[in-house]
C-alpha atoms as a PDB file:
ATOM      1  CA  MET A   1       0.543  39.845 -21.300  1.00  0.00           C
ATOM      2  CA  LYS A   2       3.605  38.040 -19.918  1.00  0.00           C
ATOM      3  CA  LYS A   3       1.511  36.553 -17.103  1.00  0.00           C
ATOM      4  CA  ILE A   4      -1.001  35.148 -19.579  1.00  0.00           C
ATOM      5  CA  LEU A   5       1.839  33.537 -21.543  1.00  0.00           C
ATOM      6  CA  ILE A   6       3.321  31.957 -18.413  1.00  0.00           C
ATOM      7  CA  TYR A   7      -0.032  30.607 -17.275  1.00  0.00           C
ATOM      8  CA  SER A   8      -0.648  29.007 -20.672  1.00  0.00           C
ATOM      9  CA  VAL A   9       2.841  27.457 -20.916  1.00  0.00           C
ATOM     10  CA  VAL A  10       2.808  25.781 -17.498  1.00  0.00           C
ATOM     11  CA  PRO A  11      -0.159  23.450 -18.232  1.00  0.00           C
ATOM     12  CA  PHE A  12       1.399  22.590 -21.573  1.00  0.00           C
ATOM     13  CA  LEU A  13       4.695  21.617 -19.912  1.00  0.00           C
ATOM     14  CA  LEU A  14       2.829  19.531 -17.348  1.00  0.00           C
ATOM     15  CA  PHE A  15       0.980  17.812 -20.183  1.00  0.00           C
ATOM     16  CA  LEU A  16       4.260  16.978 -21.930  1.00  0.00           C
ATOM     17  CA  SER A  17       5.736  15.665 -18.673  1.00  0.00           C
ATOM     18  CA  CYS A  18       2.760  13.368 -18.105  1.00  0.00           C
ATOM     19  CA  GLN A  19       2.901  12.101 -21.670  1.00  0.00           C
ATOM     20  CA  THR A  20       6.632  11.335 -21.302  1.00  0.00           C
ATOM     21  CA  GLU A  21       6.036   9.527 -18.011  1.00  0.00           C
ATOM     22  CA  ARG A  22       3.250   7.442 -19.553  1.00  0.00           C
ATOM     23  CA  LYS A  23       5.462   6.555 -22.506  1.00  0.00           C
ATOM     24  CA  GLU A  24       8.289   5.500 -20.187  1.00  0.00           C
ATOM     25  CA  ARG A  25       5.896   3.347 -18.145  1.00  0.00           C
ATOM     26  CA  ALA A  26       4.570   1.757 -21.334  1.00  0.00           C
ATOM     27  CA  GLU A  27       8.102   0.941 -22.475  1.00  0.00           C
ATOM     28  CA  LEU A  28       8.977  -0.803 -19.173  1.00  0.00           C
ATOM     29  CA  GLN A  29       9.049  -4.585 -19.271  1.00  0.00           C
ATOM     30  CA  THR A  30       7.265  -5.951 -16.224  1.00  0.00           C
ATOM     31  CA  LEU A  31       8.107  -9.295 -14.638  1.00  0.00           C
ATOM     32  CA  HIS A  32       5.636 -10.781 -12.159  1.00  0.00           C
ATOM     33  CA  VAL A  33       7.213 -12.994  -9.487  1.00  0.00           C
ATOM     34  CA  ILE A  34       5.193 -14.975  -6.948  1.00  0.00           C
ATOM     35  CA  HIS A  35       7.389 -16.267  -4.144  1.00  0.00           C
ATOM     36  CA  ALA A  36       7.489 -17.874  -0.714  1.00  0.00           C
ATOM     37  CA  GLY A  37       7.254 -15.558   2.282  1.00  0.00           C
ATOM     38  CA  SER A  38      10.684 -16.691   3.476  1.00  0.00           C
ATOM     39  CA  LEU A  39      12.142 -15.344   0.216  1.00  0.00           C
ATOM     40  CA  THR A  40      10.836 -11.803   0.719  1.00  0.00           C
ATOM     41  CA  LEU A  41      14.188 -10.187   1.449  1.00  0.00           C
ATOM     42  CA  PRO A  42      16.219 -12.337  -0.992  1.00  0.00           C
ATOM     43  CA  VAL A  43      13.745 -11.646  -3.823  1.00  0.00           C
ATOM     44  CA  HIS A  44      13.838  -7.928  -3.020  1.00  0.00           C
ATOM     45  CA  GLU A  45      17.638  -7.905  -3.230  1.00  0.00           C
ATOM     46  CA  ILE A  46      17.759 -10.113  -6.330  1.00  0.00           C
ATOM     47  CA  SER A  47      15.078  -8.038  -8.073  1.00  0.00           C
ATOM     48  CA  GLY A  48      16.940  -4.808  -7.381  1.00  0.00           C
ATOM     49  CA  ALA A  49      20.174  -6.229  -8.774  1.00  0.00           C
ATOM     50  CA  PHE A  50      18.343  -7.638 -11.806  1.00  0.00           C
ATOM     51  CA  GLU A  51      16.677  -4.291 -12.550  1.00  0.00           C
ATOM     52  CA  LYS A  52      20.025  -2.530 -12.243  1.00  0.00           C
ATOM     53  CA  GLU A  53      21.567  -4.924 -14.743  1.00  0.00           C
ATOM     54  CA  ASN A  54      18.529  -4.639 -17.043  1.00  0.00           C
ATOM     55  CA  PRO A  55      17.406  -1.000 -17.385  1.00  0.00           C
ATOM     56  CA  GLY A  56      13.798  -0.726 -18.473  1.00  0.00           C
ATOM     57  CA  VAL A  57      12.738  -3.794 -16.454  1.00  0.00           C
ATOM     58  CA  ARG A  58      10.480  -3.651 -13.416  1.00  0.00           C
ATOM     59  CA  VAL A  59      10.034  -6.688 -11.154  1.00  0.00           C
ATOM     60  CA  LEU A  60       6.731  -6.876  -9.295  1.00  0.00           C
ATOM     61  CA  SER A  61       6.785  -9.502  -6.556  1.00  0.00           C
ATOM     62  CA  GLU A  62       4.143 -10.927  -4.204  1.00  0.00           C
ATOM     63  CA  ALA A  63       4.781 -13.115  -1.152  1.00  0.00           C
ATOM     64  CA  PHE A  64       2.515 -15.999  -0.136  1.00  0.00           C
ATOM     65  CA  GLY A  65       2.801 -19.299   1.625  1.00  0.00           C
ATOM     66  CA  SER A  66       4.160 -21.414  -1.232  1.00  0.00           C
ATOM     67  CA  LYS A  67       1.038 -23.564  -1.442  1.00  0.00           C
ATOM     68  CA  ALA A  68      -1.211 -20.508  -1.452  1.00  0.00           C
ATOM     69  CA  GLY A  69       0.965 -19.034  -4.210  1.00  0.00           C
ATOM     70  CA  ALA A  70       0.677 -22.230  -6.268  1.00  0.00           C
ATOM     71  CA  ARG A  71      -3.117 -22.172  -5.893  1.00  0.00           C
ATOM     72  CA  ARG A  72      -3.181 -18.572  -7.159  1.00  0.00           C
ATOM     73  CA  ILE A  73      -1.295 -19.667 -10.248  1.00  0.00           C
ATOM     74  CA  ALA A  74      -3.526 -22.693 -10.780  1.00  0.00           C
ATOM     75  CA  ASN A  75      -6.926 -21.245  -9.939  1.00  0.00           C
ATOM     76  CA  LEU A  76      -6.865 -17.468 -10.405  1.00  0.00           C
ATOM     77  CA  GLU A  77      -6.362 -15.120 -13.340  1.00  0.00           C
ATOM     78  CA  THR A  78      -3.304 -13.601 -11.713  1.00  0.00           C
ATOM     79  CA  PRO A  79      -0.119 -12.754 -13.649  1.00  0.00           C
ATOM     80  CA  ALA A  80       2.841 -15.020 -12.860  1.00  0.00           C
ATOM     81  CA  ASP A  81       6.048 -15.144 -14.875  1.00  0.00           C
ATOM     82  CA  VAL A  82       8.211 -16.835 -12.236  1.00  0.00           C
ATOM     83  CA  PHE A  83       7.215 -18.893  -9.194  1.00  0.00           C
ATOM     84  CA  MET A  84       9.751 -19.391  -6.382  1.00  0.00           C
ATOM     85  CA  SER A  85       8.675 -21.962  -3.799  1.00  0.00           C
ATOM     86  CA  ALA A  86      10.140 -22.843  -0.397  1.00  0.00           C
ATOM     87  CA  ASP A  87       9.590 -26.489  -1.365  1.00  0.00           C
ATOM     88  CA  TYR A  88      10.151 -27.914  -4.842  1.00  0.00           C
ATOM     89  CA  MET A  89       7.465 -30.525  -4.091  1.00  0.00           C
ATOM     90  CA  VAL A  90       4.824 -27.784  -4.165  1.00  0.00           C
ATOM     91  CA  ILE A  91       5.637 -27.342  -7.853  1.00  0.00           C
ATOM     92  CA  GLU A  92       5.761 -31.079  -8.500  1.00  0.00           C
ATOM     93  CA  ASN A  93       2.533 -31.852  -6.616  1.00  0.00           C
ATOM     94  CA  MET A  94       0.439 -28.793  -7.420  1.00  0.00           C
ATOM     95  CA  LEU A  95       1.580 -27.299 -10.748  1.00  0.00           C
ATOM     96  CA  ILE A  96       3.101 -30.059 -12.895  1.00  0.00           C
ATOM     97  CA  PRO A  97       1.871 -30.943 -15.526  1.00  0.00           C
ATOM     98  CA  ASP A  98      -1.121 -28.626 -15.942  1.00  0.00           C
ATOM     99  CA  HIS A  99       0.469 -25.325 -14.949  1.00  0.00           C
ATOM    100  CA  ALA A 100       4.218 -25.937 -15.299  1.00  0.00           C
ATOM    101  CA  SER A 101       6.454 -28.578 -16.822  1.00  0.00           C
ATOM    102  CA  TRP A 102       9.753 -28.306 -14.904  1.00  0.00           C
ATOM    103  CA  TYR A 103      11.475 -26.874 -11.850  1.00  0.00           C
ATOM    104  CA  ILE A 104      15.000 -26.013 -10.790  1.00  0.00           C
ATOM    105  CA  PRO A 105      16.228 -26.480  -7.192  1.00  0.00           C
ATOM    106  CA  PHE A 106      17.988 -23.272  -6.183  1.00  0.00           C
ATOM    107  CA  ALA A 107      18.491 -23.023  -2.401  1.00  0.00           C
ATOM    108  CA  THR A 108      18.431 -24.870   0.915  1.00  0.00           C
ATOM    109  CA  ASN A 109      17.456 -23.930   4.466  1.00  0.00           C
ATOM    110  CA  GLU A 110      16.858 -25.429   7.904  1.00  0.00           C
ATOM    111  CA  MET A 111      14.342 -25.211  10.724  1.00  0.00           C
ATOM    112  CA  ALA A 112      15.052 -23.323  13.956  1.00  0.00           C
ATOM    113  CA  ILE A 113      13.232 -22.283  17.118  1.00  0.00           C
ATOM    114  CA  VAL A 114      13.159 -18.488  16.853  1.00  0.00           C
ATOM    115  CA  TYR A 115      12.593 -16.000  19.667  1.00  0.00           C
ATOM    116  CA  THR A 116      13.596 -12.600  21.072  1.00  0.00           C
ATOM    117  CA  LYS A 117      15.449 -11.604  24.227  1.00  0.00           C
ATOM    118  CA  LYS A 118      12.046 -10.734  25.735  1.00  0.00           C
ATOM    119  CA  SER A 119      10.611 -14.217  25.178  1.00  0.00           C
ATOM    120  CA  ARG A 120       9.763 -16.112  28.354  1.00  0.00           C
ATOM    121  CA  TYR A 121      12.677 -18.346  29.395  1.00  0.00           C
ATOM    122  CA  ALA A 122      14.884 -16.910  26.636  1.00  0.00           C
ATOM    123  CA  ASP A 123      17.861 -17.102  29.006  1.00  0.00           C
ATOM    124  CA  ARG A 124      17.233 -20.795  29.683  1.00  0.00           C
ATOM    125  CA  ILE A 125      16.180 -22.416  26.412  1.00  0.00           C
ATOM    126  CA  SER A 126      18.546 -25.024  24.942  1.00  0.00           C
ATOM    127  CA  VAL A 127      18.604 -28.018  22.619  1.00  0.00           C
ATOM    128  CA  ASP A 128      17.921 -30.182  25.680  1.00  0.00           C
ATOM    129  CA  ASN A 129      14.865 -28.397  27.099  1.00  0.00           C
ATOM    130  CA  TRP A 130      13.139 -26.517  24.263  1.00  0.00           C
ATOM    131  CA  VAL A 131      10.215 -28.950  24.153  1.00  0.00           C
ATOM    132  CA  GLU A 132       9.505 -28.525  27.874  1.00  0.00           C
ATOM    133  CA  ILE A 133       9.738 -24.737  27.569  1.00  0.00           C
ATOM    134  CA  LEU A 134       7.377 -24.527  24.585  1.00  0.00           C
ATOM    135  CA  MET A 135       4.882 -26.748  26.408  1.00  0.00           C
ATOM    136  CA  LYS A 136       4.763 -24.550  29.534  1.00  0.00           C
ATOM    137  CA  ASP A 137       1.349 -23.024  30.253  1.00  0.00           C
ATOM    138  CA  ASP A 138       2.733 -19.480  30.335  1.00  0.00           C
ATOM    139  CA  VAL A 139       4.551 -19.833  26.985  1.00  0.00           C
ATOM    140  CA  LYS A 140       2.966 -19.275  23.571  1.00  0.00           C
ATOM    141  CA  PHE A 141       4.472 -20.452  20.307  1.00  0.00           C
ATOM    142  CA  GLY A 142       3.459 -20.039  16.681  1.00  0.00           C
ATOM    143  CA  ARG A 143       3.768 -21.953  13.447  1.00  0.00           C
ATOM    144  CA  SER A 144       2.450 -21.542   9.933  1.00  0.00           C
ATOM    145  CA  ASN A 145      -0.440 -23.419   8.351  1.00  0.00           C
ATOM    146  CA  PRO A 146       0.723 -26.688   6.736  1.00  0.00           C
ATOM    147  CA  ASP A 147      -2.132 -26.464   4.220  1.00  0.00           C
ATOM    148  CA  GLN A 148      -0.749 -23.175   2.928  1.00  0.00           C
ATOM    149  CA  ASP A 149       2.953 -23.084   3.709  1.00  0.00           C
ATOM    150  CA  PRO A 150       5.861 -25.573   3.540  1.00  0.00           C
ATOM    151  CA  CYS A 151       7.303 -24.116   6.747  1.00  0.00           C
ATOM    152  CA  GLY A 152       4.124 -25.277   8.481  1.00  0.00           C
ATOM    153  CA  VAL A 153       4.610 -28.761   7.051  1.00  0.00           C
ATOM    154  CA  ARG A 154       8.243 -28.812   8.183  1.00  0.00           C
ATOM    155  CA  SER A 155       7.234 -27.604  11.643  1.00  0.00           C
ATOM    156  CA  VAL A 156       4.993 -30.676  11.936  1.00  0.00           C
ATOM    157  CA  PHE A 157       7.847 -32.897  10.728  1.00  0.00           C
ATOM    158  CA  THR A 158      10.207 -31.460  13.358  1.00  0.00           C
ATOM    159  CA  ILE A 159       7.612 -32.029  16.080  1.00  0.00           C
ATOM    160  CA  LYS A 160       6.956 -35.613  14.952  1.00  0.00           C
ATOM    161  CA  LEU A 161      10.678 -36.334  14.726  1.00  0.00           C
ATOM    162  CA  VAL A 162      11.346 -35.089  18.255  1.00  0.00           C
ATOM    163  CA  GLU A 163       8.606 -37.424  19.508  1.00  0.00           C
ATOM    164  CA  LYS A 164      10.384 -40.357  17.807  1.00  0.00           C
ATOM    165  CA  MET A 165      13.793 -39.272  19.147  1.00  0.00           C
ATOM    166  CA  ARG A 166      12.511 -39.029  22.706  1.00  0.00           C
ATOM    167  CA  GLY A 167      10.426 -42.209  22.498  1.00  0.00           C
ATOM    168  CA  GLU A 168       7.475 -40.326  23.935  1.00  0.00           C
ATOM    169  CA  PRO A 169       4.210 -41.385  22.243  1.00  0.00           C
ATOM    170  CA  GLY A 170       1.579 -38.645  22.140  1.00  0.00           C
ATOM    171  CA  LEU A 171       4.071 -35.763  22.391  1.00  0.00           C
ATOM    172  CA  ALA A 172       3.503 -34.583  18.833  1.00  0.00           C
ATOM    173  CA  GLU A 173      -0.267 -34.670  19.276  1.00  0.00           C
ATOM    174  CA  ARG A 174      -0.019 -32.549  22.424  1.00  0.00           C
ATOM    175  CA  MET A 175       2.340 -30.037  20.837  1.00  0.00           C
ATOM    176  CA  LEU A 176       0.218 -29.684  17.698  1.00  0.00           C
ATOM    177  CA  ALA A 177      -2.906 -29.161  19.836  1.00  0.00           C
ATOM    178  CA  LYS A 178      -1.278 -26.339  21.815  1.00  0.00           C
ATOM    179  CA  ASP A 179      -1.563 -22.660  20.750  1.00  0.00           C
ATOM    180  CA  LYS A 180      -3.622 -23.363  17.629  1.00  0.00           C
ATOM    181  CA  ASP A 181      -4.816 -19.746  17.649  1.00  0.00           C
ATOM    182  CA  ASN A 182      -1.247 -18.746  16.753  1.00  0.00           C
ATOM    183  CA  ILE A 183      -1.201 -20.563  13.405  1.00  0.00           C
ATOM    184  CA  ARG A 184      -0.814 -18.161  10.457  1.00  0.00           C
ATOM    185  CA  PRO A 185      -0.924 -18.522   6.626  1.00  0.00           C
ATOM    186  CA  LYS A 186       2.835 -18.132   6.171  1.00  0.00           C
ATOM    187  CA  GLU A 187       5.822 -18.145   8.481  1.00  0.00           C
ATOM    188  CA  THR A 188       6.731 -14.470   8.049  1.00  0.00           C
ATOM    189  CA  ASP A 189       3.235 -13.493   9.296  1.00  0.00           C
ATOM    190  CA  LEU A 190       4.388 -14.661  12.731  1.00  0.00           C
ATOM    191  CA  ILE A 191       7.292 -12.254  13.074  1.00  0.00           C
ATOM    192  CA  ALA A 192       5.101  -9.301  14.082  1.00  0.00           C
ATOM    193  CA  LEU A 193       3.463 -11.454  16.774  1.00  0.00           C
ATOM    194  CA  LEU A 194       6.899 -12.398  18.077  1.00  0.00           C
ATOM    195  CA  GLU A 195       8.314  -8.874  18.060  1.00  0.00           C
ATOM    196  CA  SER A 196       5.209  -7.517  19.821  1.00  0.00           C
ATOM    197  CA  ASN A 197       5.563 -10.218  22.536  1.00  0.00           C
ATOM    198  CA  HIS A 198       2.184 -11.727  21.664  1.00  0.00           C
ATOM    199  CA  ILE A 199       4.010 -15.042  21.300  1.00  0.00           C
ATOM    200  CA  ASP A 200       7.353 -16.213  22.670  1.00  0.00           C
ATOM    201  CA  TYR A 201       8.657 -18.654  20.061  1.00  0.00           C
ATOM    202  CA  ILE A 202       8.205 -19.557  16.378  1.00  0.00           C
ATOM    203  CA  PHE A 203       9.015 -22.600  14.310  1.00  0.00           C
ATOM    204  CA  LEU A 204      10.812 -20.721  11.538  1.00  0.00           C
ATOM    205  CA  TYR A 205      13.564 -20.967   8.941  1.00  0.00           C
ATOM    206  CA  LYS A 206      17.029 -20.113  10.171  1.00  0.00           C
ATOM    207  CA  SER A 207      17.597 -17.775   7.191  1.00  0.00           C
ATOM    208  CA  VAL A 208      14.582 -15.621   8.137  1.00  0.00           C
ATOM    209  CA  ALA A 209      15.833 -15.347  11.722  1.00  0.00           C
ATOM    210  CA  VAL A 210      19.244 -14.233  10.456  1.00  0.00           C
ATOM    211  CA  GLN A 211      17.733 -11.706   8.053  1.00  0.00           C
ATOM    212  CA  HIS A 212      15.539 -10.155  10.762  1.00  0.00           C
ATOM    213  CA  GLY A 213      18.176 -10.169  13.499  1.00  0.00           C
ATOM    214  CA  LEU A 214      16.191 -12.533  15.728  1.00  0.00           C
ATOM    215  CA  GLU A 215      17.499 -14.943  18.338  1.00  0.00           C
ATOM    216  CA  TYR A 216      17.315 -18.605  17.350  1.00  0.00           C
ATOM    217  CA  LEU A 217      18.023 -22.043  18.707  1.00  0.00           C
ATOM    218  CA  GLN A 218      20.136 -24.133  16.343  1.00  0.00           C
ATOM    219  CA  LEU A 219      18.431 -27.522  16.124  1.00  0.00           C
ATOM    220  CA  PRO A 220      20.465 -30.712  15.596  1.00  0.00           C
ATOM    221  CA  ASP A 221      20.534 -32.109  12.043  1.00  0.00           C
ATOM    222  CA  SER A 222      18.139 -34.844  13.140  1.00  0.00           C
ATOM    223  CA  LEU A 223      15.417 -32.193  13.639  1.00  0.00           C
ATOM    224  CA  SER A 224      16.396 -29.283  11.396  1.00  0.00           C
ATOM    225  CA  MET A 225      15.399 -30.882   8.066  1.00  0.00           C
ATOM    226  CA  GLY A 226      18.647 -29.515   6.691  1.00  0.00           C
ATOM    227  CA  SER A 227      20.829 -32.584   6.079  1.00  0.00           C
ATOM    228  CA  PHE A 228      20.560 -34.595   2.851  1.00  0.00           C
ATOM    229  CA  ALA A 229      22.409 -37.454   4.582  1.00  0.00           C
ATOM    230  CA  LEU A 230      19.423 -37.895   6.937  1.00  0.00           C
ATOM    231  CA  ASN A 231      16.661 -38.112   4.302  1.00  0.00           C
ATOM    232  CA  ASP A 232      15.782 -41.699   5.275  1.00  0.00           C
ATOM    233  CA  TRP A 233      15.220 -40.506   8.857  1.00  0.00           C
ATOM    234  CA  TYR A 234      13.201 -37.479   7.745  1.00  0.00           C
ATOM    235  CA  ARG A 235      11.006 -39.667   5.525  1.00  0.00           C
ATOM    236  CA  SER A 236       9.912 -41.676   8.571  1.00  0.00           C
ATOM    237  CA  VAL A 237       7.326 -38.948   9.291  1.00  0.00           C
ATOM    238  CA  SER A 238       4.492 -37.630   7.164  1.00  0.00           C
ATOM    239  CA  VAL A 239       1.485 -35.311   7.182  1.00  0.00           C
ATOM    240  CA  GLU A 240      -1.698 -35.091   5.096  1.00  0.00           C
ATOM    241  CA  THR A 241      -2.388 -31.650   3.632  1.00  0.00           C
ATOM    242  CA  LEU A 242      -4.802 -30.044   1.187  1.00  0.00           C
ATOM    243  CA  GLY A 243      -4.063 -30.315  -2.530  1.00  0.00           C
ATOM    244  CA  THR A 244      -4.716 -27.901  -5.397  1.00  0.00           C
ATOM    245  CA  LYS A 245      -8.414 -28.685  -5.883  1.00  0.00           C
ATOM    246  CA  PRO A 246     -11.160 -28.462  -3.232  1.00  0.00           C
ATOM    247  CA  GLY A 247     -11.406 -31.707  -1.277  1.00  0.00           C
ATOM    248  CA  GLU A 248      -8.124 -33.056  -2.667  1.00  0.00           C
ATOM    249  CA  THR A 249      -5.424 -34.130  -0.197  1.00  0.00           C
ATOM    250  CA  ILE A 250      -1.719 -34.969  -0.468  1.00  0.00           C
ATOM    251  CA  VAL A 251       0.431 -37.084   1.842  1.00  0.00           C
ATOM    252  CA  GLU A 252       3.796 -35.360   2.303  1.00  0.00           C
ATOM    253  CA  TYR A 253       6.894 -37.094   3.653  1.00  0.00           C
ATOM    254  CA  GLY A 254       9.810 -35.426   5.367  1.00  0.00           C
ATOM    255  CA  GLU A 255      13.004 -34.695   3.471  1.00  0.00           C
ATOM    256  CA  ALA A 256      15.845 -32.181   3.512  1.00  0.00           C
ATOM    257  CA  MET A 257      14.775 -28.697   2.457  1.00  0.00           C
ATOM    258  CA  VAL A 258      15.052 -27.798  -1.210  1.00  0.00           C
ATOM    259  CA  TYR A 259      13.617 -24.584  -2.644  1.00  0.00           C
ATOM    260  CA  GLY A 260      12.451 -24.750  -6.263  1.00  0.00           C
ATOM    261  CA  LEU A 261      11.509 -22.308  -8.997  1.00  0.00           C
ATOM    262  CA  THR A 262       9.669 -22.558 -12.296  1.00  0.00           C
ATOM    263  CA  ILE A 263       8.200 -20.500 -15.123  1.00  0.00           C
ATOM    264  CA  PRO A 264       4.447 -21.202 -15.172  1.00  0.00           C
ATOM    265  CA  HIS A 265       2.721 -21.921 -18.475  1.00  0.00           C
ATOM    266  CA  LYS A 266       0.729 -18.710 -18.003  1.00  0.00           C
ATOM    267  CA  THR A 267       3.811 -16.451 -18.214  1.00  0.00           C
ATOM    268  CA  GLN A 268       3.316 -13.409 -20.413  1.00  0.00           C
ATOM    269  CA  ASN A 269       7.025 -12.741 -20.881  1.00  0.00           C
ATOM    270  CA  LYS A 270       8.870 -16.039 -21.170  1.00  0.00           C
ATOM    271  CA  GLU A 271      12.107 -14.539 -22.498  1.00  0.00           C
ATOM    272  CA  LEU A 272      12.419 -12.096 -19.597  1.00  0.00           C
ATOM    273  CA  ALA A 273      11.404 -14.823 -17.124  1.00  0.00           C
ATOM    274  CA  GLU A 274      14.190 -17.078 -18.448  1.00  0.00           C
ATOM    275  CA  LYS A 275      16.639 -14.202 -18.070  1.00  0.00           C
ATOM    276  CA  PHE A 276      15.564 -13.726 -14.437  1.00  0.00           C
ATOM    277  CA  VAL A 277      15.900 -17.457 -13.693  1.00  0.00           C
ATOM    278  CA  ALA A 278      19.413 -17.431 -15.185  1.00  0.00           C
ATOM    279  CA  PHE A 279      20.235 -14.464 -12.938  1.00  0.00           C
ATOM    280  CA  VAL A 280      18.977 -16.311  -9.837  1.00  0.00           C
ATOM    281  CA  MET A 281      21.033 -19.388 -10.695  1.00  0.00           C
ATOM    282  CA  ASN A 282      24.249 -17.457 -11.479  1.00  0.00           C
ATOM    283  CA  GLU A 283      26.749 -18.147  -8.694  1.00  0.00           C
ATOM    284  CA  ASP A 284      28.097 -14.584  -8.826  1.00  0.00           C
ATOM    285  CA  LYS A 285      24.641 -12.959  -8.863  1.00  0.00           C
ATOM    286  CA  GLY A 286      21.482 -14.529  -7.420  1.00  0.00           C
ATOM    287  CA  GLN A 287      23.233 -17.410  -5.687  1.00  0.00           C
ATOM    288  CA  LYS A 288      25.701 -15.007  -4.085  1.00  0.00           C
ATOM    289  CA  ILE A 289      22.835 -12.881  -2.731  1.00  0.00           C
ATOM    290  CA  LEU A 290      21.041 -15.961  -1.360  1.00  0.00           C
ATOM    291  CA  LYS A 291      24.188 -17.183   0.345  1.00  0.00           C
ATOM    292  CA  GLU A 292      24.776 -13.776   1.959  1.00  0.00           C
ATOM    293  CA  LEU A 293      21.210 -13.988   3.331  1.00  0.00           C
ATOM    294  CA  GLY A 294      21.650 -17.431   4.869  1.00  0.00           C
ATOM    295  CA  GLN A 295      20.661 -19.829   2.087  1.00  0.00           C
ATOM    296  CA  ASP A 296      23.195 -22.148   0.469  1.00  0.00           C
ATOM    297  CA  PRO A 297      22.952 -23.583  -3.060  1.00  0.00           C
ATOM    298  CA  VAL A 298      21.675 -27.105  -3.733  1.00  0.00           C
ATOM    299  CA  ASP A 299      24.240 -29.817  -4.551  1.00  0.00           C
ATOM    300  CA  ASP A 300      23.723 -33.341  -5.910  1.00  0.00           C
ATOM    301  CA  PHE A 301      19.950 -33.175  -6.211  1.00  0.00           C
ATOM    302  CA  ASP A 302      18.259 -35.715  -8.489  1.00  0.00           C
ATOM    303  CA  ASN A 303      15.671 -33.685 -10.392  1.00  0.00           C
ATOM    304  CA  PRO A 304      13.423 -35.522 -12.876  1.00  0.00           C
ATOM    305  CA  TYR A 305      11.847 -32.243 -14.024  1.00  0.00           C
ATOM    306  CA  ASN A 306      14.999 -30.227 -14.705  1.00  0.00           C
ATOM    307  CA  TYR A 307      14.687 -27.419 -17.246  1.00  0.00           C
END
């Protein structure tokens, strides 16, 4: 008799447990964040801190090349409460005014040549010879797709700027034609290729190299896209990339790196999204986390679409 009672109670307790778990899941507020691949670790850390400060909130994040993320927001029925782009111009060019109405600049970065100790000529590469090393027949380098990712656009800018600095016509064309099979949708897709020695070098953000413990060559300000004082120089180069709609193109001009974020019109939880944005912008919270992970705040930026 006792055994029968035990056997009947156990399923009942399991049923109650499942019902409680379902109720708790239903009571959770979910925030959907689409972000640049280079923000993967920062968003993870910021989301964890935000959830800790706001019990009952769950942040679900997805990483894409910023342009690919913007196209998802514009063209697909995908949830998006906050969009964090590696380039504020992605928001301005691809989402405003139809899919968003403002953006806030929230972080900076700079380009670097990233490698490992096993990369060919790792013991010899320098600011004076990195072009020659990357162009060697036995060296492979990678970059991200400029049609999908701002890091890919900035890689092209760096290559075009070094051609101008060296006064060597045709250099950029030769560099951009080399190792095209190592172009990937977003810059973080290249890290596995680098760590597995499939490629030797990557055009990558300095912050990502720091976060992953990779070796990197510090480029001069004239090539790093990291100095606001050199914006006139950066703007001397440009690249044509795909826009939001099929067949549409955009001409992009070089400028110092500024990350931007927005709340898309399609948000399903505007109040929570605003709370998350405020957390990111708080100098003792999100900004502190970003700075610890290699990204400084933005100062003196003229933003016509400020929130």
